[in-house]
């Protein structure tokens, strides 16, 4: 196992839990890396590609893996990621595909041991072009994500359901300590 990159923090959790909003607010003071799944889906939609969960899940996971590795390798210094490599284990479990190649990447690219986990939050949940799961599906996917991080040796720091400014302060305080 590779030593962790202790300045690389992850925001994890189910779709629609507020990760992207939190990341946008954190971006005023730290480097951030936007969510790879949304970027892959937007590219596939724009180009008519088939690397999506409903058309070719294995290719979708492969493209997300490639993007997540490129993001990790391009980052430097204190960086907060909207999803990390272990999220891909949840995608593999969700789609019922092999995760061996994902596990190799997880072992060779480690993040800070503390991962900020945002819980499913029905009051703020919205679907959109890329987020197609209903709330129950998103919450179930969140459970897969939680398991993926725990099995990958990370410690989850549960971010409370609170205002965005309170969540920003919560994350900043824990990064600073």
Foldseek 3Di string as FASTA:
>chain_A
DDDAPALEEEEDFFPQLCLVVLQVVLVVPFAEAEQLLVVLVVVCVVVVHQLACVRDLVSVLVSSLVVQLVSLVPDDGRYYYHDHLLLSQLSCVVSVHDCPVSLVVLVHHHHNQEYEYGAQDQVRGDADPSRDDDSVVRNVSRVSSVVSSVVSRHDYDYQDPDDSVSSNVVVVVVSVD
